[in-house]
């Protein structure tokens, strides 16, 4: 295995661990209101998307969902499918949107589609009640704010990585 490939695998492994820690932090911070998670792990998703590309970002996001669900004892539970659906829509939006948006609007859009995916699963399979629209409205407002903050943090980290010579900034 070449040194560059080994370095890439090692760095991606560290980023996966970071995404798991950030996602678990999110879970802990929102235990009382699980539908209001911040989406901290998407900082890592954006960093991987810009540093390595679409394939690596997609792999890490799906791997993160699986590992976090396994760690928290939620594998194949309703929470797992809600999370997986939201994250799959994030992946699709990031893959399409990267060509059209810079990092902050991309992050906001990812948050928007994550919330849409989660809402659709909850509404269609678990809580078919129009009162859920109140929670969904709150999720969307907070999602826009958190998406902007997450995009901004990812942008700062990528600039720092570029300054350190770790990443060639091209956004």
C-alpha atoms as a PDB file:
ATOM      1  CA  UNK A   1       0.000   0.000   0.000  1.00  0.00           C
ATOM      2  CA  UNK A   2       1.369   3.406  -0.936  1.00  0.00           C
ATOM      3  CA  UNK A   3       2.116   5.991   1.741  1.00  0.00           C
ATOM      4  CA  UNK A   4      -0.499   8.411   0.340  1.00  0.00           C
ATOM      5  CA  UNK A   5      -3.214   5.736   0.446  1.00  0.00           C
ATOM      6  CA  UNK A   6      -2.297   4.804   4.006  1.00  0.00           C
ATOM      7  CA  UNK A   7      -2.335   8.476   5.036  1.00  0.00           C
ATOM      8  CA  UNK A   8      -5.760   8.907   3.425  1.00  0.00           C
ATOM      9  CA  UNK A   9      -7.183   5.826   5.167  1.00  0.00           C
ATOM     10  CA  UNK A  10      -5.754   6.943   8.504  1.00  0.00           C
ATOM     11  CA  UNK A  11      -7.120  10.489   8.142  1.00  0.00           C
ATOM     12  CA  UNK A  12     -10.552   9.214   7.057  1.00  0.00           C
ATOM     13  CA  UNK A  13     -10.580   6.851  10.055  1.00  0.00           C
ATOM     14  CA  UNK A  14      -9.869   9.759  12.373  1.00  0.00           C
ATOM     15  CA  UNK A  15     -12.642  11.756  10.711  1.00  0.00           C
ATOM     16  CA  UNK A  16     -15.093   8.844  11.101  1.00  0.00           C
ATOM     17  CA  UNK A  17     -14.225   8.686  14.796  1.00  0.00           C
ATOM     18  CA  UNK A  18     -14.755  12.449  15.014  1.00  0.00           C
ATOM     19  CA  UNK A  19     -18.138  12.149  13.292  1.00  0.00           C
ATOM     20  CA  UNK A  20     -19.186   9.432  15.735  1.00  0.00           C
ATOM     21  CA  UNK A  21     -18.123  11.549  18.714  1.00  0.00           C
ATOM     22  CA  UNK A  22     -19.914  14.625  17.331  1.00  0.00           C
ATOM     23  CA  UNK A  23     -23.066  12.634  16.585  1.00  0.00           C
ATOM     24  CA  UNK A  24     -23.020  11.081  20.056  1.00  0.00           C
ATOM     25  CA  UNK A  25     -22.537  14.546  21.561  1.00  0.00           C
ATOM     26  CA  UNK A  26     -25.559  15.675  19.574  1.00  0.00           C
ATOM     27  CA  UNK A  27     -27.599  12.771  20.975  1.00  0.00           C
ATOM     28  CA  UNK A  28     -26.556  13.563  24.542  1.00  0.00           C
ATOM     29  CA  UNK A  29     -27.267  17.295  24.168  1.00  0.00           C
ATOM     30  CA  UNK A  30     -30.765  16.622  22.859  1.00  0.00           C
ATOM     31  CA  UNK A  31     -31.907  13.627  24.921  1.00  0.00           C
ATOM     32  CA  UNK A  32     -35.070  15.505  25.949  1.00  0.00           C
ATOM     33  CA  UNK A  33     -35.776  16.700  22.400  1.00  0.00           C
ATOM     34  CA  UNK A  34     -34.269  14.135  19.979  1.00  0.00           C
ATOM     35  CA  UNK A  35     -35.939  15.783  16.992  1.00  0.00           C
ATOM     36  CA  UNK A  36     -33.915  18.950  17.564  1.00  0.00           C
ATOM     37  CA  UNK A  37     -30.423  17.596  16.993  1.00  0.00           C
ATOM     38  CA  UNK A  38     -27.889  20.101  15.722  1.00  0.00           C
ATOM     39  CA  UNK A  39     -26.200  17.865  13.153  1.00  0.00           C
ATOM     40  CA  UNK A  40     -22.645  18.381  14.399  1.00  0.00           C
ATOM     41  CA  UNK A  41     -21.312  15.349  12.532  1.00  0.00           C
ATOM     42  CA  UNK A  42     -22.077  17.066   9.229  1.00  0.00           C
ATOM     43  CA  UNK A  43     -19.060  19.292   9.888  1.00  0.00           C
ATOM     44  CA  UNK A  44     -17.035  16.148   9.190  1.00  0.00           C
ATOM     45  CA  UNK A  45     -19.199  15.243   6.188  1.00  0.00           C
ATOM     46  CA  UNK A  46     -18.491  18.609   4.573  1.00  0.00           C
ATOM     47  CA  UNK A  47     -14.771  18.413   5.330  1.00  0.00           C
ATOM     48  CA  UNK A  48     -14.549  14.972   3.719  1.00  0.00           C
ATOM     49  CA  UNK A  49     -16.606  16.097   0.723  1.00  0.00           C
ATOM     50  CA  UNK A  50     -14.199  18.962   0.026  1.00  0.00           C
ATOM     51  CA  UNK A  51     -10.982  17.147   0.939  1.00  0.00           C
ATOM     52  CA  UNK A  52     -11.596  13.766  -0.662  1.00  0.00           C
ATOM     53  CA  UNK A  53     -14.768  13.773  -2.685  1.00  0.00           C
ATOM     54  CA  UNK A  54     -18.200  12.307  -3.040  1.00  0.00           C
ATOM     55  CA  UNK A  55     -17.458   8.614  -2.709  1.00  0.00           C
ATOM     56  CA  UNK A  56     -15.526   9.030   0.537  1.00  0.00           C
ATOM     57  CA  UNK A  57     -18.107  11.405   2.021  1.00  0.00           C
ATOM     58  CA  UNK A  58     -20.960   9.025   1.149  1.00  0.00           C
ATOM     59  CA  UNK A  59     -19.134   6.073   2.685  1.00  0.00           C
ATOM     60  CA  UNK A  60     -18.304   7.957   5.891  1.00  0.00           C
ATOM     61  CA  UNK A  61     -21.854   9.268   6.372  1.00  0.00           C
ATOM     62  CA  UNK A  62     -23.426   5.820   5.960  1.00  0.00           C
ATOM     63  CA  UNK A  63     -20.723   4.179   8.088  1.00  0.00           C
ATOM     64  CA  UNK A  64     -21.290   6.817  10.791  1.00  0.00           C
ATOM     65  CA  UNK A  65     -25.047   6.134  10.838  1.00  0.00           C
ATOM     66  CA  UNK A  66     -24.428   2.388  11.174  1.00  0.00           C
ATOM     67  CA  UNK A  67     -21.782   2.703  13.890  1.00  0.00           C
ATOM     68  CA  UNK A  68     -23.669   5.300  15.945  1.00  0.00           C
ATOM     69  CA  UNK A  69     -26.808   3.163  15.778  1.00  0.00           C
ATOM     70  CA  UNK A  70     -24.806   0.116  16.842  1.00  0.00           C
ATOM     71  CA  UNK A  71     -23.088   1.984  19.711  1.00  0.00           C
ATOM     72  CA  UNK A  72     -26.368   3.419  21.018  1.00  0.00           C
ATOM     73  CA  UNK A  73     -28.246   0.114  20.617  1.00  0.00           C
ATOM     74  CA  UNK A  74     -30.535   1.468  17.910  1.00  0.00           C
ATOM     75  CA  UNK A  75     -29.482  -0.602  14.910  1.00  0.00           C
ATOM     76  CA  UNK A  76     -32.547  -1.357  12.755  1.00  0.00           C
ATOM     77  CA  UNK A  77     -34.814   0.511  15.183  1.00  0.00           C
ATOM     78  CA  UNK A  78     -37.164   3.300  14.059  1.00  0.00           C
ATOM     79  CA  UNK A  79     -34.497   5.842  15.061  1.00  0.00           C
ATOM     80  CA  UNK A  80     -32.009   4.097  12.780  1.00  0.00           C
ATOM     81  CA  UNK A  81     -34.317   4.312   9.761  1.00  0.00           C
ATOM     82  CA  UNK A  82     -35.203   7.933  10.522  1.00  0.00           C
ATOM     83  CA  UNK A  83     -31.509   8.829  10.756  1.00  0.00           C
ATOM     84  CA  UNK A  84     -30.560   6.788   7.696  1.00  0.00           C
ATOM     85  CA  UNK A  85     -33.240   8.421   5.545  1.00  0.00           C
ATOM     86  CA  UNK A  86     -32.256  11.928   6.606  1.00  0.00           C
ATOM     87  CA  UNK A  87     -28.585  11.222   6.007  1.00  0.00           C
ATOM     88  CA  UNK A  88     -29.222   9.635   2.602  1.00  0.00           C
ATOM     89  CA  UNK A  89     -31.010  12.810   1.519  1.00  0.00           C
ATOM     90  CA  UNK A  90     -28.065  14.849   2.822  1.00  0.00           C
ATOM     91  CA  UNK A  91     -25.719  12.749   0.694  1.00  0.00           C
ATOM     92  CA  UNK A  92     -27.849  13.229  -2.417  1.00  0.00           C
ATOM     93  CA  UNK A  93     -28.105  16.974  -1.837  1.00  0.00           C
ATOM     94  CA  UNK A  94     -24.359  17.320  -1.186  1.00  0.00           C
ATOM     95  CA  UNK A  95     -23.552  15.321  -4.319  1.00  0.00           C
ATOM     96  CA  UNK A  96     -25.802  17.464  -6.510  1.00  0.00           C
ATOM     97  CA  UNK A  97     -25.448  20.749  -4.664  1.00  0.00           C
ATOM     98  CA  UNK A  98     -21.649  20.938  -4.485  1.00  0.00           C
ATOM     99  CA  UNK A  99     -21.615  22.001  -8.145  1.00  0.00           C
ATOM    100  CA  UNK A 100     -24.041  24.857  -7.516  1.00  0.00           C
ATOM    101  CA  UNK A 101     -23.475  26.155  -3.964  1.00  0.00           C
ATOM    102  CA  UNK A 102     -20.583  27.163  -1.786  1.00  0.00           C
ATOM    103  CA  UNK A 103     -20.117  25.438   1.562  1.00  0.00           C
ATOM    104  CA  UNK A 104     -22.504  27.434   3.774  1.00  0.00           C
ATOM    105  CA  UNK A 105     -25.594  27.238   1.516  1.00  0.00           C
ATOM    106  CA  UNK A 106     -24.669  23.603   0.847  1.00  0.00           C
ATOM    107  CA  UNK A 107     -24.726  22.935   4.570  1.00  0.00           C
ATOM    108  CA  UNK A 108     -28.058  24.736   5.001  1.00  0.00           C
ATOM    109  CA  UNK A 109     -29.543  22.690   2.147  1.00  0.00           C
ATOM    110  CA  UNK A 110     -28.187  19.495   3.681  1.00  0.00           C
ATOM    111  CA  UNK A 111     -29.869  20.360   6.962  1.00  0.00           C
ATOM    112  CA  UNK A 112     -33.107  21.116   5.133  1.00  0.00           C
ATOM    113  CA  UNK A 113     -33.124  17.780   3.298  1.00  0.00           C
ATOM    114  CA  UNK A 114     -32.096  15.870   6.421  1.00  0.00           C
ATOM    115  CA  UNK A 115     -35.144  17.303   8.191  1.00  0.00           C
ATOM    116  CA  UNK A 116     -37.395  16.555   5.204  1.00  0.00           C
ATOM    117  CA  UNK A 117     -36.256  12.908   5.136  1.00  0.00           C
ATOM    118  CA  UNK A 118     -36.701  12.460   8.859  1.00  0.00           C
ATOM    119  CA  UNK A 119     -40.102  14.128   8.837  1.00  0.00           C
ATOM    120  CA  UNK A 120     -41.378  11.981   5.971  1.00  0.00           C
ATOM    121  CA  UNK A 121     -40.385   8.736   7.698  1.00  0.00           C
ATOM    122  CA  UNK A 122     -41.890   9.812  11.024  1.00  0.00           C
ATOM    123  CA  UNK A 123     -45.094  11.091   9.423  1.00  0.00           C
ATOM    124  CA  UNK A 124     -45.627   8.176   7.045  1.00  0.00           C
ATOM    125  CA  UNK A 125     -44.725   5.326   9.387  1.00  0.00           C
ATOM    126  CA  UNK A 126     -44.958   6.450  12.999  1.00  0.00           C
ATOM    127  CA  UNK A 127     -46.961   9.601  13.743  1.00  0.00           C
ATOM    128  CA  UNK A 128     -49.582  10.258  11.106  1.00  0.00           C
ATOM    129  CA  UNK A 129     -50.960  13.350  12.812  1.00  0.00           C
ATOM    130  CA  UNK A 130     -50.957  16.927  11.529  1.00  0.00           C
ATOM    131  CA  UNK A 131     -49.812  18.238  14.919  1.00  0.00           C
ATOM    132  CA  UNK A 132     -46.366  16.929  14.033  1.00  0.00           C
ATOM    133  CA  UNK A 133     -46.146  19.881  11.637  1.00  0.00           C
ATOM    134  CA  UNK A 134     -45.491  22.128  14.647  1.00  0.00           C
ATOM    135  CA  UNK A 135     -42.386  20.132  15.539  1.00  0.00           C
ATOM    136  CA  UNK A 136     -41.411  20.015  11.873  1.00  0.00           C
ATOM    137  CA  UNK A 137     -41.654  23.826  11.622  1.00  0.00           C
ATOM    138  CA  UNK A 138     -39.358  24.212  14.624  1.00  0.00           C
ATOM    139  CA  UNK A 139     -36.966  21.641  13.124  1.00  0.00           C
ATOM    140  CA  UNK A 140     -36.809  23.569   9.846  1.00  0.00           C
ATOM    141  CA  UNK A 141     -36.085  26.931  11.498  1.00  0.00           C
ATOM    142  CA  UNK A 142     -33.416  25.472  13.771  1.00  0.00           C
ATOM    143  CA  UNK A 143     -32.063  23.452  10.843  1.00  0.00           C
ATOM    144  CA  UNK A 144     -31.425  26.584   8.814  1.00  0.00           C
ATOM    145  CA  UNK A 145     -29.568  28.179  11.720  1.00  0.00           C
ATOM    146  CA  UNK A 146     -27.567  25.066  12.588  1.00  0.00           C
ATOM    147  CA  UNK A 147     -26.851  24.398   8.898  1.00  0.00           C
ATOM    148  CA  UNK A 148     -25.350  27.869   8.541  1.00  0.00           C
ATOM    149  CA  UNK A 149     -23.250  27.448  11.684  1.00  0.00           C
ATOM    150  CA  UNK A 150     -22.056  23.974  10.644  1.00  0.00           C
ATOM    151  CA  UNK A 151     -21.124  25.233   7.179  1.00  0.00           C
ATOM    152  CA  UNK A 152     -19.229  28.146   8.704  1.00  0.00           C
ATOM    153  CA  UNK A 153     -17.330  25.883  11.112  1.00  0.00           C
ATOM    154  CA  UNK A 154     -16.447  23.472   8.277  1.00  0.00           C
ATOM    155  CA  UNK A 155     -15.220  26.416   6.186  1.00  0.00           C
ATOM    156  CA  UNK A 156     -12.987  27.623   9.033  1.00  0.00           C
ATOM    157  CA  UNK A 157     -11.555  24.126   9.553  1.00  0.00           C
ATOM    158  CA  UNK A 158     -10.874  23.697   5.827  1.00  0.00           C
ATOM    159  CA  UNK A 159      -9.104  27.074   5.733  1.00  0.00           C
ATOM    160  CA  UNK A 160      -6.986  26.014   8.713  1.00  0.00           C
ATOM    161  CA  UNK A 161      -6.156  22.698   7.016  1.00  0.00           C
ATOM    162  CA  UNK A 162      -5.136  24.603   3.896  1.00  0.00           C
ATOM    163  CA  UNK A 163      -2.944  26.941   5.943  1.00  0.00           C
ATOM    164  CA  UNK A 164      -1.255  23.890   7.478  1.00  0.00           C
ATOM    165  CA  UNK A 165      -0.711  22.435   3.996  1.00  0.00           C
ATOM    166  CA  UNK A 166      -3.044  19.503   4.601  1.00  0.00           C
ATOM    167  CA  UNK A 167      -5.704  20.528   2.095  1.00  0.00           C
ATOM    168  CA  UNK A 168      -5.773  22.424  -1.188  1.00  0.00           C
ATOM    169  CA  UNK A 169      -8.659  24.844  -0.774  1.00  0.00           C
ATOM    170  CA  UNK A 170     -10.911  25.001  -3.826  1.00  0.00           C
ATOM    171  CA  UNK A 171     -14.283  26.234  -2.701  1.00  0.00           C
END
